[in-house]
C-alpha atoms as a PDB file:
ATOM      1  CA  MET A   1     294.972 237.052 104.230  1.00  0.00           C
ATOM      2  CA  SER A   2     292.737 236.132 101.153  1.00  0.00           C
ATOM      3  CA  GLN A   3     294.013 236.492  97.688  1.00  0.00           C
ATOM      4  CA  SER A   4     291.401 238.156  95.225  1.00  0.00           C
ATOM      5  CA  LEU A   5     292.267 239.762  92.406  1.00  0.00           C
ATOM      6  CA  SER A   6     288.632 241.419  91.611  1.00  0.00           C
ATOM      7  CA  LYS A   7     289.274 243.740  94.760  1.00  0.00           C
ATOM      8  CA  ALA A   8     293.278 244.286  94.169  1.00  0.00           C
ATOM      9  CA  ALA A   9     292.392 245.566  90.688  1.00  0.00           C
ATOM     10  CA  PHE A  10     289.477 247.744  92.125  1.00  0.00           C
ATOM     11  CA  TRP A  11     291.380 249.527  94.473  1.00  0.00           C
ATOM     12  CA  MET A  12     294.400 249.770  91.824  1.00  0.00           C
ATOM     13  CA  ALA A  13     292.015 251.492  89.459  1.00  0.00           C
ATOM     14  CA  GLY A  14     291.561 254.359  92.272  1.00  0.00           C
ATOM     15  CA  TRP A  15     295.202 254.777  92.678  1.00  0.00           C
ATOM     16  CA  LEU A  16     294.965 255.193  88.561  1.00  0.00           C
ATOM     17  CA  ALA A  17     293.172 257.799  88.509  1.00  0.00           C
ATOM     18  CA  LEU A  18     294.400 259.821  91.371  1.00  0.00           C
ATOM     19  CA  MET A  19     298.068 259.769  90.586  1.00  0.00           C
ATOM     20  CA  ILE A  20     297.359 260.791  87.083  1.00  0.00           C
ATOM     21  CA  VAL A  21     295.390 263.907  88.428  1.00  0.00           C
ATOM     22  CA  MET A  22     298.214 264.693  90.753  1.00  0.00           C
ATOM     23  CA  ALA A  23     300.711 264.679  88.117  1.00  0.00           C
ATOM     24  CA  ILE A  24     298.478 267.083  86.544  1.00  0.00           C
ATOM     25  CA  ALA A  25     298.164 269.278  89.568  1.00  0.00           C
ATOM     26  CA  GLY A  26     302.041 269.112  89.939  1.00  0.00           C
ATOM     27  CA  ARG A  27     302.651 270.347  87.312  1.00  0.00           C
ATOM     28  CA  GLY A  28     300.956 273.585  87.574  1.00  0.00           C
ATOM     29  CA  ALA A  29     301.771 274.107  91.741  1.00  0.00           C
ATOM     30  CA  THR A  30     305.562 273.643  90.970  1.00  0.00           C
ATOM     31  CA  ARG A  31     305.100 276.487  88.146  1.00  0.00           C
ATOM     32  CA  GLU A  32     304.650 278.587  91.152  1.00  0.00           C
ATOM     33  CA  LEU A  33     305.923 277.187  94.153  1.00  0.00           C
ATOM     34  CA  GLY A  34     308.960 275.176  95.437  1.00  0.00           C
ATOM     35  CA  VAL A  35     308.540 271.805  95.723  1.00  0.00           C
ATOM     36  CA  PHE A  36     309.111 271.467  99.293  1.00  0.00           C
ATOM     37  CA  GLN A  37     306.453 273.962 100.368  1.00  0.00           C
ATOM     38  CA  VAL A  38     304.047 271.843  97.612  1.00  0.00           C
ATOM     39  CA  MET A  39     304.914 268.513  99.748  1.00  0.00           C
ATOM     40  CA  GLU A  40     304.231 270.268 103.017  1.00  0.00           C
ATOM     41  CA  VAL A  41     301.034 271.618 102.392  1.00  0.00           C
ATOM     42  CA  ARG A  42     300.113 268.365 100.757  1.00  0.00           C
ATOM     43  CA  SER A  43     300.605 266.789 103.960  1.00  0.00           C
ATOM     44  CA  LEU A  44     298.858 268.917 106.270  1.00  0.00           C
ATOM     45  CA  ILE A  45     295.256 269.324 104.086  1.00  0.00           C
ATOM     46  CA  GLY A  46     295.985 265.509 103.862  1.00  0.00           C
ATOM     47  CA  ILE A  47     295.865 265.056 107.474  1.00  0.00           C
ATOM     48  CA  ALA A  48     292.653 266.972 107.815  1.00  0.00           C
ATOM     49  CA  LEU A  49     291.119 265.076 104.435  1.00  0.00           C
ATOM     50  CA  PHE A  50     292.045 261.928 106.218  1.00  0.00           C
ATOM     51  CA  ALA A  51     290.547 262.779 109.473  1.00  0.00           C
ATOM     52  CA  PRO A  52     286.960 260.827 108.650  1.00  0.00           C
ATOM     53  CA  MET A  53     288.759 257.756 108.164  1.00  0.00           C
ATOM     54  CA  VAL A  54     290.558 257.645 111.259  1.00  0.00           C
ATOM     55  CA  ARG A  55     287.220 258.219 113.337  1.00  0.00           C
ATOM     56  CA  ALA A  56     285.978 255.660 111.593  1.00  0.00           C
ATOM     57  CA  ALA A  57     288.802 253.256 111.962  1.00  0.00           C
ATOM     58  CA  GLY A  58     288.160 253.992 115.841  1.00  0.00           C
ATOM     59  CA  GLY A  59     289.564 257.101 116.182  1.00  0.00           C
ATOM     60  CA  LEU A  60     293.944 257.442 117.531  1.00  0.00           C
ATOM     61  CA  SER A  61     293.506 254.179 119.846  1.00  0.00           C
ATOM     62  CA  ALA A  62     293.736 252.020 116.436  1.00  0.00           C
ATOM     63  CA  LEU A  63     296.264 253.504 115.263  1.00  0.00           C
ATOM     64  CA  ARG A  64     299.052 252.319 117.584  1.00  0.00           C
ATOM     65  CA  SER A  65     301.970 250.430 116.087  1.00  0.00           C
ATOM     66  CA  ALA A  66     304.597 248.016 117.109  1.00  0.00           C
ATOM     67  CA  HIS A  67     306.985 248.750 113.803  1.00  0.00           C
ATOM     68  CA  LEU A  68     307.153 252.748 114.054  1.00  0.00           C
ATOM     69  CA  GLY A  69     310.903 252.658 112.905  1.00  0.00           C
ATOM     70  CA  ARG A  70     309.664 250.538 109.668  1.00  0.00           C
ATOM     71  CA  HIS A  71     306.598 253.554 109.286  1.00  0.00           C
ATOM     72  CA  VAL A  72     309.372 256.283 109.540  1.00  0.00           C
ATOM     73  CA  LEU A  73     312.211 254.327 107.467  1.00  0.00           C
ATOM     74  CA  ARG A  74     309.038 253.929 104.696  1.00  0.00           C
ATOM     75  CA  ASN A  75     308.267 257.614 104.976  1.00  0.00           C
ATOM     76  CA  LEU A  76     312.015 258.621 104.989  1.00  0.00           C
ATOM     77  CA  ILE A  77     312.512 256.691 101.503  1.00  0.00           C
ATOM     78  CA  HIS A  78     308.899 257.695  99.790  1.00  0.00           C
ATOM     79  CA  TYR A  79     309.628 261.500 100.911  1.00  0.00           C
ATOM     80  CA  ALA A  80     312.947 261.651  99.537  1.00  0.00           C
ATOM     81  CA  SER A  81     311.633 260.004  96.708  1.00  0.00           C
ATOM     82  CA  GLN A  82     308.665 261.677  96.168  1.00  0.00           C
ATOM     83  CA  TYR A  83     311.158 264.876  96.235  1.00  0.00           C
ATOM     84  CA  GLY A  84     312.644 263.632  93.228  1.00  0.00           C
ATOM     85  CA  TRP A  85     309.430 263.311  91.461  1.00  0.00           C
ATOM     86  CA  PHE A  86     308.625 266.696  91.953  1.00  0.00           C
ATOM     87  CA  VAL A  87     312.019 267.918  90.927  1.00  0.00           C
ATOM     88  CA  ALA A  88     311.855 265.967  87.782  1.00  0.00           C
ATOM     89  CA  LEU A  89     308.619 266.746  86.807  1.00  0.00           C
ATOM     90  CA  THR A  90     310.088 270.374  86.388  1.00  0.00           C
ATOM     91  CA  MET A  91     312.631 269.099  84.540  1.00  0.00           C
ATOM     92  CA  ILE A  92     311.337 266.335  81.733  1.00  0.00           C
ATOM     93  CA  PRO A  93     308.307 265.440  80.243  1.00  0.00           C
ATOM     94  CA  LEU A  94     305.152 264.117  82.063  1.00  0.00           C
ATOM     95  CA  ALA A  95     304.899 260.825  79.871  1.00  0.00           C
ATOM     96  CA  GLN A  96     309.017 260.226  80.108  1.00  0.00           C
ATOM     97  CA  LEU A  97     308.788 261.251  83.730  1.00  0.00           C
ATOM     98  CA  VAL A  98     306.466 258.497  84.243  1.00  0.00           C
ATOM     99  CA  SER A  99     307.554 255.893  81.795  1.00  0.00           C
ATOM    100  CA  ILE A 100     311.506 255.767  83.194  1.00  0.00           C
ATOM    101  CA  GLU A 101     309.452 255.560  86.437  1.00  0.00           C
ATOM    102  CA  PHE A 102     308.383 252.479  85.835  1.00  0.00           C
ATOM    103  CA  THR A 103     311.591 250.850  85.496  1.00  0.00           C
ATOM    104  CA  MET A 104     309.846 250.671  89.084  1.00  0.00           C
ATOM    105  CA  PRO A 105     308.055 247.018  88.820  1.00  0.00           C
ATOM    106  CA  LEU A 106     311.206 245.434  88.344  1.00  0.00           C
ATOM    107  CA  TRP A 107     312.713 246.700  91.241  1.00  0.00           C
ATOM    108  CA  THR A 108     309.783 245.811  93.244  1.00  0.00           C
ATOM    109  CA  VAL A 109     309.860 242.171  92.062  1.00  0.00           C
ATOM    110  CA  MET A 110     313.468 241.522  92.955  1.00  0.00           C
ATOM    111  CA  LEU A 111     312.472 242.963  96.819  1.00  0.00           C
ATOM    112  CA  ALA A 112     309.904 241.522  97.356  1.00  0.00           C
ATOM    113  CA  ALA A 113     311.181 237.990  96.208  1.00  0.00           C
ATOM    114  CA  ALA A 114     314.344 239.032  98.214  1.00  0.00           C
ATOM    115  CA  PHE A 115     312.832 240.061 101.516  1.00  0.00           C
ATOM    116  CA  LEU A 116     309.445 239.313 101.560  1.00  0.00           C
ATOM    117  CA  ASP A 117     309.220 235.713 100.344  1.00  0.00           C
ATOM    118  CA  GLU A 118     306.838 236.252  97.610  1.00  0.00           C
ATOM    119  CA  ARG A 119     307.186 233.659  94.782  1.00  0.00           C
ATOM    120  CA  MET A 120     308.417 234.642  91.285  1.00  0.00           C
ATOM    121  CA  THR A 121     306.771 232.267  88.730  1.00  0.00           C
ATOM    122  CA  ALA A 122     307.813 232.355  85.170  1.00  0.00           C
ATOM    123  CA  ARG A 123     304.671 234.350  84.049  1.00  0.00           C
ATOM    124  CA  LYS A 124     305.580 237.003  86.485  1.00  0.00           C
ATOM    125  CA  VAL A 125     309.076 237.406  85.582  1.00  0.00           C
ATOM    126  CA  ILE A 126     307.765 237.291  81.624  1.00  0.00           C
ATOM    127  CA  ALA A 127     304.869 239.939  82.679  1.00  0.00           C
ATOM    128  CA  VAL A 128     307.511 242.373  84.015  1.00  0.00           C
ATOM    129  CA  LEU A 129     309.930 242.185  81.113  1.00  0.00           C
ATOM    130  CA  VAL A 130     307.167 242.288  78.403  1.00  0.00           C
ATOM    131  CA  GLY A 131     305.922 245.244  80.372  1.00  0.00           C
ATOM    132  CA  MET A 132     309.639 247.166  80.471  1.00  0.00           C
ATOM    133  CA  ALA A 133     310.093 246.398  77.356  1.00  0.00           C
ATOM    134  CA  GLY A 134     306.727 248.503  76.389  1.00  0.00           C
ATOM    135  CA  VAL A 135     308.229 250.857  78.254  1.00  0.00           C
ATOM    136  CA  ALA A 136     311.859 251.380  76.615  1.00  0.00           C
ATOM    137  CA  LEU A 137     309.571 251.960  73.635  1.00  0.00           C
ATOM    138  CA  ILE A 138     307.867 254.907  74.907  1.00  0.00           C
ATOM    139  CA  VAL A 139     311.212 256.603  75.988  1.00  0.00           C
ATOM    140  CA  ARG A 140     313.458 255.472  73.234  1.00  0.00           C
ATOM    141  CA  PRO A 141     317.062 256.834  75.304  1.00  0.00           C
ATOM    142  CA  SER A 142     319.019 258.175  72.843  1.00  0.00           C
ATOM    143  CA  ALA A 143     322.530 257.444  72.253  1.00  0.00           C
ATOM    144  CA  GLY A 144     323.692 260.632  73.539  1.00  0.00           C
ATOM    145  CA  SER A 145     324.229 261.283  77.395  1.00  0.00           C
ATOM    146  CA  ILE A 146     321.377 260.922  79.944  1.00  0.00           C
ATOM    147  CA  ALA A 147     319.342 264.245  80.785  1.00  0.00           C
ATOM    148  CA  PRO A 148     319.690 265.009  85.035  1.00  0.00           C
ATOM    149  CA  GLY A 149     315.738 264.691  85.832  1.00  0.00           C
ATOM    150  CA  GLN A 150     315.951 261.122  83.887  1.00  0.00           C
ATOM    151  CA  VAL A 151     318.911 260.391  86.220  1.00  0.00           C
ATOM    152  CA  ILE A 152     316.702 261.362  89.161  1.00  0.00           C
ATOM    153  CA  ALA A 153     313.804 259.682  87.710  1.00  0.00           C
ATOM    154  CA  LEU A 154     315.406 256.471  87.939  1.00  0.00           C
ATOM    155  CA  ILE A 155     316.946 257.287  91.654  1.00  0.00           C
ATOM    156  CA  VAL A 156     313.085 257.990  92.535  1.00  0.00           C
ATOM    157  CA  ALA A 157     312.134 254.474  91.056  1.00  0.00           C
ATOM    158  CA  VAL A 158     314.520 252.425  92.879  1.00  0.00           C
ATOM    159  CA  GLY A 159     313.195 254.468  96.260  1.00  0.00           C
ATOM    160  CA  PHE A 160     309.476 253.641  94.956  1.00  0.00           C
ATOM    161  CA  ALA A 161     310.278 250.215  95.145  1.00  0.00           C
ATOM    162  CA  MET A 162     311.659 250.179  98.115  1.00  0.00           C
ATOM    163  CA  SER A 163     308.677 252.064  99.720  1.00  0.00           C
ATOM    164  CA  VAL A 164     306.447 249.596  98.174  1.00  0.00           C
ATOM    165  CA  VAL A 165     308.112 246.352  99.702  1.00  0.00           C
ATOM    166  CA  LEU A 166     308.145 248.342 102.932  1.00  0.00           C
ATOM    167  CA  VAL A 167     304.296 249.228 102.582  1.00  0.00           C
ATOM    168  CA  LYS A 168     303.322 245.473 101.819  1.00  0.00           C
ATOM    169  CA  SER A 169     305.497 244.409 105.045  1.00  0.00           C
ATOM    170  CA  LEU A 170     303.305 246.562 107.256  1.00  0.00           C
ATOM    171  CA  THR A 171     299.942 245.784 105.576  1.00  0.00           C
ATOM    172  CA  ARG A 172     300.667 241.915 107.129  1.00  0.00           C
ATOM    173  CA  THR A 173     300.341 243.525 111.233  1.00  0.00           C
ATOM    174  CA  ASP A 174     298.859 247.317 111.151  1.00  0.00           C
ATOM    175  CA  ASN A 175     295.561 248.333 108.843  1.00  0.00           C
ATOM    176  CA  VAL A 176     295.814 250.267 106.171  1.00  0.00           C
ATOM    177  CA  VAL A 177     294.095 253.853 107.965  1.00  0.00           C
ATOM    178  CA  ALA A 178     297.197 253.619 110.288  1.00  0.00           C
ATOM    179  CA  ILE A 179     299.909 253.317 107.064  1.00  0.00           C
ATOM    180  CA  ILE A 180     298.360 256.391 105.560  1.00  0.00           C
ATOM    181  CA  PHE A 181     297.910 258.109 109.219  1.00  0.00           C
ATOM    182  CA  TRP A 182     301.595 257.269 110.121  1.00  0.00           C
ATOM    183  CA  MET A 183     302.873 258.635 106.322  1.00  0.00           C
ATOM    184  CA  LEU A 184     301.144 261.882 106.524  1.00  0.00           C
ATOM    185  CA  ILE A 185     302.201 262.507 110.417  1.00  0.00           C
ATOM    186  CA  VAL A 186     306.103 261.439 109.766  1.00  0.00           C
ATOM    187  CA  GLN A 187     306.326 263.092 106.179  1.00  0.00           C
ATOM    188  CA  SER A 188     304.902 266.777 107.780  1.00  0.00           C
ATOM    189  CA  ALA A 189     307.220 266.850 110.450  1.00  0.00           C
ATOM    190  CA  ILE A 190     310.176 265.675 107.998  1.00  0.00           C
ATOM    191  CA  GLY A 191     309.312 268.503 105.779  1.00  0.00           C
ATOM    192  CA  LEU A 192     308.428 271.567 107.939  1.00  0.00           C
ATOM    193  CA  VAL A 193     311.393 273.294 108.185  1.00  0.00           C
ATOM    194  CA  PRO A 194     312.311 273.072 104.530  1.00  0.00           C
ATOM    195  CA  ALA A 195     309.077 274.224 103.990  1.00  0.00           C
ATOM    196  CA  LEU A 196     309.013 277.126 106.098  1.00  0.00           C
ATOM    197  CA  TRP A 197     312.195 278.193 104.884  1.00  0.00           C
ATOM    198  CA  THR A 198     311.047 278.218 101.064  1.00  0.00           C
ATOM    199  CA  TRP A 199     307.588 279.435 101.990  1.00  0.00           C
ATOM    200  CA  ARG A 200     306.233 281.936  99.268  1.00  0.00           C
ATOM    201  CA  TRP A 201     302.198 282.671 100.318  1.00  0.00           C
ATOM    202  CA  PRO A 202     300.076 280.648  97.033  1.00  0.00           C
ATOM    203  CA  SER A 203     298.086 282.388  94.704  1.00  0.00           C
ATOM    204  CA  ALA A 204     294.645 281.084  94.948  1.00  0.00           C
ATOM    205  CA  ILE A 205     295.022 278.814  91.271  1.00  0.00           C
ATOM    206  CA  ALA A 206     297.927 277.650  93.424  1.00  0.00           C
ATOM    207  CA  TRP A 207     296.211 276.858  96.743  1.00  0.00           C
ATOM    208  CA  GLY A 208     293.452 275.025  93.870  1.00  0.00           C
ATOM    209  CA  TRP A 209     296.129 272.950  92.729  1.00  0.00           C
ATOM    210  CA  LEU A 210     297.314 271.762  96.616  1.00  0.00           C
ATOM    211  CA  GLY A 211     293.812 270.973  97.418  1.00  0.00           C
ATOM    212  CA  VAL A 212     294.240 268.505  94.408  1.00  0.00           C
ATOM    213  CA  ILE A 213     297.378 267.050  94.881  1.00  0.00           C
ATOM    214  CA  ALA A 214     296.520 266.577  98.952  1.00  0.00           C
ATOM    215  CA  PHE A 215     293.633 264.743  98.093  1.00  0.00           C
ATOM    216  CA  CYS A 216     295.416 262.731  95.517  1.00  0.00           C
ATOM    217  CA  GLY A 217     297.985 261.979  97.206  1.00  0.00           C
ATOM    218  CA  THR A 218     296.369 261.124 100.212  1.00  0.00           C
ATOM    219  CA  TYR A 219     293.893 258.312  99.110  1.00  0.00           C
ATOM    220  CA  SER A 220     296.169 257.674  96.110  1.00  0.00           C
ATOM    221  CA  HIS A 221     298.165 255.685  98.962  1.00  0.00           C
ATOM    222  CA  TYR A 222     294.727 254.570 100.671  1.00  0.00           C
ATOM    223  CA  CYS A 223     294.026 252.503  97.352  1.00  0.00           C
ATOM    224  CA  MET A 224     297.481 251.150  96.871  1.00  0.00           C
ATOM    225  CA  ALA A 225     297.389 249.612 100.350  1.00  0.00           C
ATOM    226  CA  ARG A 226     294.229 248.390 100.255  1.00  0.00           C
ATOM    227  CA  ALA A 227     294.984 246.834  96.646  1.00  0.00           C
ATOM    228  CA  MET A 228     298.102 245.213  98.706  1.00  0.00           C
ATOM    229  CA  ARG A 229     295.521 243.999 101.708  1.00  0.00           C
ATOM    230  CA  HIS A 230     294.342 241.505  98.694  1.00  0.00           C
ATOM    231  CA  ALA A 231     297.560 240.721  96.661  1.00  0.00           C
ATOM    232  CA  ASP A 232     300.906 240.323  96.219  1.00  0.00           C
ATOM    233  CA  ALA A 233     302.956 243.168  95.429  1.00  0.00           C
ATOM    234  CA  THR A 234     304.426 241.360  92.151  1.00  0.00           C
ATOM    235  CA  VAL A 235     301.018 240.924  91.369  1.00  0.00           C
ATOM    236  CA  VAL A 236     299.698 244.375  92.151  1.00  0.00           C
ATOM    237  CA  VAL A 237     302.121 246.636  90.943  1.00  0.00           C
ATOM    238  CA  PRO A 238     302.192 245.310  87.291  1.00  0.00           C
ATOM    239  CA  MET A 239     299.123 246.669  87.503  1.00  0.00           C
ATOM    240  CA  ASP A 240     300.512 250.467  87.363  1.00  0.00           C
ATOM    241  CA  PHE A 241     302.054 249.807  83.811  1.00  0.00           C
ATOM    242  CA  LEU A 242     298.417 251.214  83.037  1.00  0.00           C
ATOM    243  CA  ARG A 243     299.601 254.449  84.290  1.00  0.00           C
ATOM    244  CA  VAL A 244     302.462 254.919  81.215  1.00  0.00           C
ATOM    245  CA  PRO A 245     299.754 254.990  78.692  1.00  0.00           C
ATOM    246  CA  LEU A 246     296.923 256.539  80.514  1.00  0.00           C
ATOM    247  CA  THR A 247     299.516 259.349  81.425  1.00  0.00           C
ATOM    248  CA  ALA A 248     300.888 259.874  78.337  1.00  0.00           C
ATOM    249  CA  ALA A 249     297.252 260.737  76.963  1.00  0.00           C
ATOM    250  CA  ALA A 250     296.622 262.884  79.937  1.00  0.00           C
ATOM    251  CA  ALA A 251     299.996 264.901  79.068  1.00  0.00           C
ATOM    252  CA  TRP A 252     298.789 265.024  75.494  1.00  0.00           C
ATOM    253  CA  TRP A 253     295.497 266.464  76.247  1.00  0.00           C
ATOM    254  CA  VAL A 254     296.474 269.166  79.236  1.00  0.00           C
ATOM    255  CA  PHE A 255     300.014 269.975  78.026  1.00  0.00           C
ATOM    256  CA  ASP A 256     300.238 268.788  74.162  1.00  0.00           C
ATOM    257  CA  GLU A 257     302.675 266.468  74.610  1.00  0.00           C
ATOM    258  CA  VAL A 258     303.481 264.286  71.455  1.00  0.00           C
ATOM    259  CA  ILE A 259     302.106 260.567  71.371  1.00  0.00           C
ATOM    260  CA  ASP A 260     303.566 258.794  68.257  1.00  0.00           C
ATOM    261  CA  THR A 261     303.529 255.467  67.164  1.00  0.00           C
ATOM    262  CA  TRP A 262     306.302 254.303  69.297  1.00  0.00           C
ATOM    263  CA  THR A 263     303.956 255.429  72.078  1.00  0.00           C
ATOM    264  CA  VAL A 264     300.951 253.525  71.000  1.00  0.00           C
ATOM    265  CA  ILE A 265     303.154 250.497  70.398  1.00  0.00           C
ATOM    266  CA  GLY A 266     304.672 250.633  73.814  1.00  0.00           C
ATOM    267  CA  ALA A 267     301.132 251.449  75.448  1.00  0.00           C
ATOM    268  CA  ALA A 268     300.096 247.854  74.212  1.00  0.00           C
ATOM    269  CA  LEU A 269     303.166 245.536  75.418  1.00  0.00           C
ATOM    270  CA  ILE A 270     302.304 247.092  78.846  1.00  0.00           C
ATOM    271  CA  LEU A 271     298.415 246.049  78.534  1.00  0.00           C
ATOM    272  CA  SER A 272     299.678 242.971  77.289  1.00  0.00           C
ATOM    273  CA  ALA A 273     302.006 242.500  80.191  1.00  0.00           C
ATOM    274  CA  ASN A 274     298.750 243.463  82.696  1.00  0.00           C
ATOM    275  CA  ALA A 275     296.885 240.524  80.622  1.00  0.00           C
ATOM    276  CA  LEU A 276     299.431 237.798  80.954  1.00  0.00           C
ATOM    277  CA  ASN A 277     299.969 238.761  84.620  1.00  0.00           C
ATOM    278  CA  LEU A 278     296.499 238.684  86.076  1.00  0.00           C
ATOM    279  CA  LEU A 279     294.437 236.256  83.691  1.00  0.00           C
ATOM    280  CA  HIS A 280     294.721 232.637  84.433  1.00  0.00           C
ATOM    281  CA  ARG A 281     297.506 232.833  86.959  1.00  0.00           C
ATOM    282  CA  SER A 282     299.955 229.701  86.952  1.00  0.00           C
ATOM    283  CA  ALA A 283     299.458 227.607  89.892  1.00  0.00           C
ATOM    284  CA  THR A 284     303.002 226.040  89.469  1.00  0.00           C
ATOM    285  CA  PRO A 285     305.403 226.751  92.196  1.00  0.00           C
ATOM    286  CA  GLY A 286     307.846 230.007  91.627  1.00  0.00           C
ATOM    287  CA  VAL A 287     311.526 230.045  91.918  1.00  0.00           C
ATOM    288  CA  ARG A 288     313.122 232.812  94.553  1.00  0.00           C
ATOM    289  CA  THR A 289     315.470 235.332  93.444  1.00  0.00           C
ATOM    290  CA  ALA A 290     318.254 236.960  95.718  1.00  0.00           C
END
């Protein structure tokens, strides 16, 4: 598979925009509805929204996979992580949640190197460390006890990293439409019973939020999977660092969450990490980590 940073960056821009909008919509929807219900409606609406992509890919016959077990495993992990993400969204500020989530690239780099045989160059390692330093400045954990929402967010980051690595492995054999289709089907099946158990009929405003979540949640993963087809996971994931400052700006604009000097400095480090990782990549052999 050929590598193209420009194409990967294009699809990651779509991922970033959709994920930020989904975070705002998620905050709105979970003020009225339970997390299981939000996730189930998101998947069911997503199936309808994704139907044109399925038809364009050749219909259901084009979605067969020799790795259904891997699809199920990936979506079990992703569903649990997504549930934790929505729960944490109701417990801690949006900017803090996304910042803690960005320990994910560190886990992704290690998992991709260990299980996908992706090379670890010094440039990649430094880029991740600089980006993580920027995230730490934004979060600035205190010396006191860690809030439950922060613990959940950290566990979610590990789960998302495992999901990303499994997506990358699936792109080697399955097309992107198949990956997203099985995500929607498997997660709809997983969440049906708990969603019905906690069901409350949504208001008109809540239905609007759910529609936005479904669209963004479905096509954000399409963008991520397309990006993974054009570059290594250790290159694609650090691009997602941009979501930290962008989400902080969105939280300030929509929810009046404060952006302080430390957040600005952290965002600058994150941008520097992306530039280091993407510009003038070294062609020297990397060192595998285990």
